[in-house]
Amino acid sequence: MKLLNVFLLGLVIVLFSAGCSKDKDPDPINETEGLQLVTTLSNDNHKVNIYTKSGKLQTGYNEIFFQVKDAGGNLVDNALQLEWMPVMHMSSMSHSCPASSISKKENTRSLYKGFVVFQMAGSDMEYWELTIDYSVGGTAYEAKGNIQVLEASKKVVQSFLGSDEKRYVLALVAPSEPKVAVNDMTAVLYRMESMMSFVPVDGYTVKIDPRMPGMGNHSSPNNIDLTQGTDKLYHGKLSLTMTGYWKINLQLENGSGTVVKGEPVTEGNEGSSIYFELEF
């Protein structure tokens, strides 16, 4: 009898422990690790926390992440039909800028991502506003608010009118941390259809000629011009032979081989009218 009681007691303990173990939720994964909060957009039902790796937005290419939380602070992982619209409000006009579609970040449940290319910084009088539209459970929502966009320390975006009378936005994506090496170089290229609409440009070539103006304007070997990949971005190789300030002279060539903007570097011309800057 005593042995039976001991056995029953042990069985109860095992079942209780198993039940507790089953009911206990695992520690939640911090999906925003390595990111810094930029700002929060709100409506009556949700808060949308916006993140970047640097904790700021600046002119040029910005990879942006966000999470949606309900009124109770719970993460929303089933948001659908996500779209965003950045708008620059100026004293005499308003315009948008290139922006990607929004998708859920790989291997996460609640973190959404995309990119926006800001052509200009905001100021006290002229400012950027971001609107994010989405639906949850079949109900449509909108979160919007002003965002601060700073001027990048170097020229990493060009907005210009081509010889074909089309307006383009060209922005540097990589390298974000250049090295003395042959670096992978990536850029995005958009064409403005209207003040509020920008579309990716297909089939062009971005010719590059990196120079060091402070070192006799010398160039570097083994550079490869940027052409479009299956991801719609433009990829090439950028050779940086030493640390310091580099000016990446650019020429934009259309699918027919005609240069629509930018000039070659020659003895009589030290640089192109469109370029990126790097310093490391």
Protein backbone atom coordinates (compact mmCIF):
# COMPACT_ATOMS: atom_id res chain seq x y z
CA MET A 1 0.00 0.00 0.00
CA LYS A 2 2.81 2.34 0.91
CA LEU A 3 4.56 1.53 -2.37
CA LEU A 4 1.34 2.27 -4.27
CA ASN A 5 1.00 5.66 -2.60
CA VAL A 6 4.59 6.53 -3.44
CA PHE A 7 4.00 5.49 -7.06
CA LEU A 8 0.82 7.58 -7.34
CA LEU A 9 2.54 10.60 -5.79
CA GLY A 10 5.40 10.32 -8.25
CA LEU A 11 2.98 10.04 -11.17
CA VAL A 12 1.13 13.18 -10.06
CA ILE A 13 4.41 15.11 -9.82
CA VAL A 14 5.46 13.98 -13.32
CA LEU A 15 2.10 14.91 -14.86
CA PHE A 16 2.05 18.29 -13.09
CA SER A 17 5.59 19.08 -14.25
CA ALA A 18 4.77 18.05 -17.81
CA GLY A 19 1.64 20.22 -17.77
CA CYS A 20 3.56 23.24 -16.49
CA SER A 21 6.29 22.71 -19.06
CA LYS A 22 3.72 22.48 -21.85
CA ASP A 23 1.82 25.58 -20.76
CA LYS A 24 4.89 27.77 -20.36
CA ASP A 25 5.53 29.90 -23.44
CA PRO A 26 9.08 29.97 -24.76
CA ASP A 27 11.01 33.20 -24.37
CA PRO A 28 9.95 35.54 -27.21
CA ILE A 29 12.53 36.28 -29.90
CA ASN A 30 13.53 39.93 -30.20
CA GLU A 31 13.00 40.44 -33.92
CA THR A 32 14.29 44.02 -33.79
CA GLU A 33 17.70 43.10 -32.35
CA GLY A 34 20.35 45.22 -34.07
CA LEU A 35 17.78 47.87 -35.04
CA GLN A 36 17.07 51.25 -33.46
CA LEU A 37 13.70 52.96 -33.12
CA VAL A 38 13.26 55.97 -35.41
CA THR A 39 9.70 57.02 -34.59
CA THR A 40 6.20 55.72 -33.90
CA LEU A 41 3.09 56.34 -36.00
CA SER A 42 -0.26 55.88 -34.26
CA ASN A 43 -3.97 55.57 -34.83
CA ASP A 44 -6.83 54.68 -32.46
CA ASN A 45 -6.14 50.95 -32.71
CA HIS A 46 -2.44 50.48 -33.33
CA LYS A 47 1.05 51.84 -32.94
CA VAL A 48 3.52 51.35 -35.79
CA ASN A 49 7.13 51.37 -34.60
CA ILE A 50 9.61 52.27 -37.33
CA TYR A 51 13.23 51.09 -37.17
CA THR A 52 16.50 51.40 -39.07
CA LYS A 53 19.96 50.09 -38.29
CA SER A 54 21.18 53.61 -37.49
CA GLY A 55 18.06 54.92 -35.76
CA LYS A 56 17.66 57.71 -38.31
CA LEU A 57 16.46 58.47 -41.82
CA GLN A 58 18.62 60.37 -44.27
CA THR A 59 18.85 61.38 -47.91
CA GLY A 60 19.48 58.43 -50.18
CA TYR A 61 18.61 54.77 -49.78
CA ASN A 62 17.06 53.76 -46.44
CA GLU A 63 16.25 50.17 -45.48
CA ILE A 64 13.27 50.51 -43.12
CA PHE A 65 11.64 47.99 -40.78
CA PHE A 66 8.44 48.28 -38.75
CA GLN A 67 6.19 46.39 -36.35
CA VAL A 68 2.50 46.92 -35.63
CA LYS A 69 1.22 46.68 -32.04
CA ASP A 70 -2.39 46.72 -30.87
CA ALA A 71 -3.79 48.81 -28.00
CA GLY A 72 -2.69 46.16 -25.51
CA GLY A 73 0.90 46.23 -26.73
CA ASN A 74 0.65 42.88 -28.51
CA LEU A 75 2.49 42.43 -31.79
CA VAL A 76 0.31 42.09 -34.88
CA ASP A 77 1.66 39.42 -37.22
CA ASN A 78 -1.21 39.15 -39.71
CA ALA A 79 -1.25 42.60 -41.30
CA LEU A 80 -2.07 42.46 -45.01
CA GLN A 81 -2.27 44.83 -48.00
CA LEU A 82 0.63 46.88 -46.68
CA GLU A 83 1.49 50.05 -48.59
CA TRP A 84 3.29 53.25 -47.74
CA MET A 85 3.48 56.74 -49.16
CA PRO A 86 6.22 59.22 -48.21
CA VAL A 87 5.35 62.82 -49.14
CA MET A 88 7.55 65.90 -48.98
CA HIS A 89 5.50 68.99 -48.13
CA MET A 90 7.18 72.09 -49.53
CA SER A 91 6.05 75.68 -49.42
CA SER A 92 4.82 75.68 -53.02
CA MET A 93 4.27 71.99 -53.83
CA SER A 94 4.32 68.39 -52.57
CA HIS A 95 6.04 65.33 -54.02
CA SER A 96 6.81 61.74 -53.16
CA CYS A 97 9.96 59.64 -53.73
CA PRO A 98 10.94 56.10 -54.78
CA ALA A 99 9.70 53.42 -52.37
CA SER A 100 9.70 49.63 -52.58
CA SER A 101 6.86 47.26 -51.84
CA ILE A 102 6.56 46.00 -48.25
CA SER A 103 7.17 42.40 -47.25
CA LYS A 104 7.68 40.43 -44.06
CA LYS A 105 11.35 40.05 -43.14
CA GLU A 106 12.67 36.54 -43.60
CA ASN A 107 12.37 34.24 -40.56
CA THR A 108 10.28 36.70 -38.54
CA ARG A 109 6.61 36.73 -37.52
CA SER A 110 5.93 40.43 -37.01
CA LEU A 111 8.70 42.46 -38.65
CA TYR A 112 7.96 44.12 -41.99
CA LYS A 113 10.56 45.70 -44.27
CA GLY A 114 11.14 47.74 -47.41
CA PHE A 115 13.19 50.71 -48.60
CA VAL A 116 12.62 54.38 -49.34
CA VAL A 117 14.90 56.73 -51.30
CA PHE A 118 14.68 60.32 -50.05
CA GLN A 119 15.97 62.87 -52.58
CA MET A 120 16.16 65.75 -50.11
CA ALA A 121 16.31 66.46 -46.40
CA GLY A 122 13.53 68.02 -44.38
CA SER A 123 13.68 71.32 -42.51
CA ASP A 124 11.59 73.37 -40.11
CA MET A 125 9.52 74.75 -42.98
CA GLU A 126 9.53 71.77 -45.39
CA TYR A 127 8.96 68.29 -44.02
CA TRP A 128 8.38 64.65 -44.90
CA GLU A 129 5.20 62.82 -43.90
CA LEU A 130 4.88 59.03 -43.99
CA THR A 131 1.56 57.19 -44.35
CA ILE A 132 1.33 53.42 -43.87
CA ASP A 133 -1.88 51.66 -44.95
CA TYR A 134 -2.64 48.06 -43.92
CA SER A 135 -5.49 45.74 -43.01
CA VAL A 136 -5.99 43.41 -40.05
CA GLY A 137 -8.82 40.91 -39.98
CA GLY A 138 -10.41 42.48 -43.02
CA THR A 139 -10.47 46.01 -41.53
CA ALA A 140 -8.42 48.76 -43.18
CA TYR A 141 -6.22 51.05 -41.08
CA GLU A 142 -3.97 54.04 -41.67
CA ALA A 143 -1.09 55.34 -39.57
CA LYS A 144 0.62 58.59 -40.51
CA GLY A 145 2.91 61.23 -39.10
CA ASN A 146 5.81 63.55 -39.80
CA ILE A 147 9.28 62.01 -40.03
CA GLN A 148 12.69 63.62 -39.77
CA VAL A 149 14.98 63.11 -42.78
CA LEU A 150 18.55 64.31 -42.34
CA GLU A 151 21.11 65.27 -44.96
CA ALA A 152 23.60 62.45 -45.51
CA SER A 153 27.22 63.39 -44.86
CA LYS A 154 28.20 62.40 -48.41
CA LYS A 155 26.45 62.51 -51.78
CA VAL A 156 24.66 59.14 -52.06
CA VAL A 157 21.66 60.08 -54.21
CA GLN A 158 21.22 61.96 -57.48
CA SER A 159 17.96 63.36 -58.85
CA PHE A 160 18.29 64.73 -62.37
CA LEU A 161 16.71 65.38 -65.75
CA GLY A 162 18.18 63.26 -68.52
CA SER A 163 18.78 64.29 -72.11
CA ASP A 164 15.66 62.23 -72.93
CA GLU A 165 13.60 64.73 -70.88
CA LYS A 166 12.88 62.09 -68.24
CA ARG A 167 13.62 62.66 -64.56
CA TYR A 168 15.59 59.97 -62.72
CA VAL A 169 16.55 59.15 -59.15
CA LEU A 170 19.75 57.13 -58.71
CA ALA A 171 20.87 56.08 -55.22
CA LEU A 172 23.79 54.17 -53.77
CA VAL A 173 22.89 51.03 -51.79
CA ALA A 174 26.29 49.40 -51.26
CA PRO A 175 29.01 49.40 -50.17
CA SER A 176 27.79 50.89 -46.90
CA GLU A 177 31.10 49.97 -45.26
CA PRO A 178 33.70 50.31 -48.04
CA LYS A 179 37.07 48.56 -47.79
CA VAL A 180 40.39 48.64 -49.58
CA ALA A 181 39.36 45.90 -52.00
CA VAL A 182 37.14 45.25 -54.97
CA ASN A 183 33.78 45.98 -53.33
CA ASP A 184 30.37 44.77 -54.44
CA MET A 185 28.52 47.88 -55.57
CA THR A 186 24.74 48.17 -55.73
CA ALA A 187 22.41 51.03 -56.70
CA VAL A 188 18.71 51.61 -57.34
CA LEU A 189 17.41 53.51 -60.35
CA TYR A 190 13.92 55.00 -60.63
CA ARG A 191 12.12 57.21 -63.12
CA MET A 192 9.57 59.80 -62.05
CA GLU A 193 6.21 59.34 -63.78
CA SER A 194 4.50 62.09 -61.79
CA MET A 195 5.10 64.04 -58.59
CA MET A 196 3.67 61.11 -56.63
CA SER A 197 4.75 58.13 -58.74
CA PHE A 198 8.20 56.61 -59.30
CA VAL A 199 8.89 53.33 -61.12
CA PRO A 200 12.03 51.15 -61.37
CA VAL A 201 14.01 51.56 -64.59
CA ASP A 202 14.86 48.35 -66.47
CA GLY A 203 17.73 47.51 -68.78
CA TYR A 204 20.02 50.51 -68.26
CA THR A 205 23.74 50.59 -67.37
CA VAL A 206 25.37 52.73 -64.71
CA LYS A 207 28.95 53.37 -65.80
CA ILE A 208 31.38 54.13 -62.97
CA ASP A 209 34.77 55.82 -62.81
CA PRO A 210 36.06 56.14 -59.20
CA ARG A 211 38.62 58.90 -58.63
CA MET A 212 40.54 60.41 -55.71
CA PRO A 213 40.47 64.20 -56.31
CA GLY A 214 42.93 64.80 -53.48
CA MET A 215 45.45 62.34 -54.93
CA GLY A 216 45.89 63.59 -58.48
CA ASN A 217 42.43 62.36 -59.45
CA HIS A 218 43.79 58.84 -59.96
CA SER A 219 41.41 55.99 -60.70
CA SER A 220 41.56 52.27 -59.90
CA PRO A 221 41.62 48.98 -61.83
CA ASN A 222 39.09 46.14 -62.10
CA ASN A 223 35.90 48.20 -61.86
CA ILE A 224 32.75 46.71 -63.41
CA ASP A 225 29.85 48.91 -64.50
CA LEU A 226 26.46 48.34 -62.87
CA THR A 227 23.82 46.32 -64.70
CA GLN A 228 20.40 45.20 -63.55
CA GLY A 229 19.97 41.91 -61.72
CA THR A 230 16.91 39.72 -61.25
CA ASP A 231 16.18 41.64 -58.03
CA LYS A 232 15.73 44.82 -60.13
CA LEU A 233 18.74 46.44 -58.43
CA TYR A 234 21.88 47.44 -60.30
CA HIS A 235 25.08 45.53 -59.44
CA GLY A 236 28.75 45.93 -60.30
CA LYS A 237 32.24 46.04 -58.80
CA LEU A 238 33.96 49.07 -57.25
CA SER A 239 37.72 48.97 -56.77
CA LEU A 240 39.07 51.12 -53.92
CA THR A 241 42.85 50.95 -53.70
CA MET A 242 43.39 53.08 -50.57
CA THR A 243 41.53 54.80 -47.75
CA GLY A 244 40.42 58.41 -48.12
CA TYR A 245 37.87 60.41 -50.10
CA TRP A 246 36.59 58.90 -53.33
CA LYS A 247 34.33 60.47 -55.94
CA ILE A 248 32.48 57.83 -57.95
CA ASN A 249 31.81 59.51 -61.29
CA LEU A 250 28.70 58.18 -63.01
CA GLN A 251 27.19 58.00 -66.46
CA LEU A 252 23.69 56.67 -67.03
CA GLU A 253 23.32 54.75 -70.27
CA ASN A 254 19.95 53.61 -71.61
CA GLY A 255 19.17 50.26 -73.20
CA SER A 256 20.19 51.56 -76.63
CA GLY A 257 23.66 52.52 -75.42
CA THR A 258 22.98 56.26 -75.34
CA VAL A 259 24.26 58.20 -72.33
CA VAL A 260 21.34 60.23 -70.97
CA LYS A 261 23.29 61.88 -68.14
CA GLY A 262 26.88 62.20 -67.00
CA GLU A 263 30.22 62.90 -68.66
CA PRO A 264 33.48 60.92 -68.94
CA VAL A 265 36.51 61.97 -66.93
CA THR A 266 39.19 63.38 -69.24
CA GLU A 267 42.20 65.65 -69.00
CA GLY A 268 39.89 68.58 -69.55
CA ASN A 269 37.07 67.31 -67.33
CA GLU A 270 37.89 66.21 -63.78
CA GLY A 271 34.48 64.81 -62.95
CA SER A 272 30.97 63.96 -64.07
CA SER A 273 27.93 66.07 -63.24
CA ILE A 274 26.43 63.05 -61.44
CA TYR A 275 28.44 61.15 -58.84
CA PHE A 276 28.48 59.41 -55.46
CA GLU A 277 30.92 60.09 -52.62
CA LEU A 278 32.63 57.68 -50.25
CA GLU A 279 35.15 58.34 -47.49
CA PHE A 280 36.66 55.78 -45.17
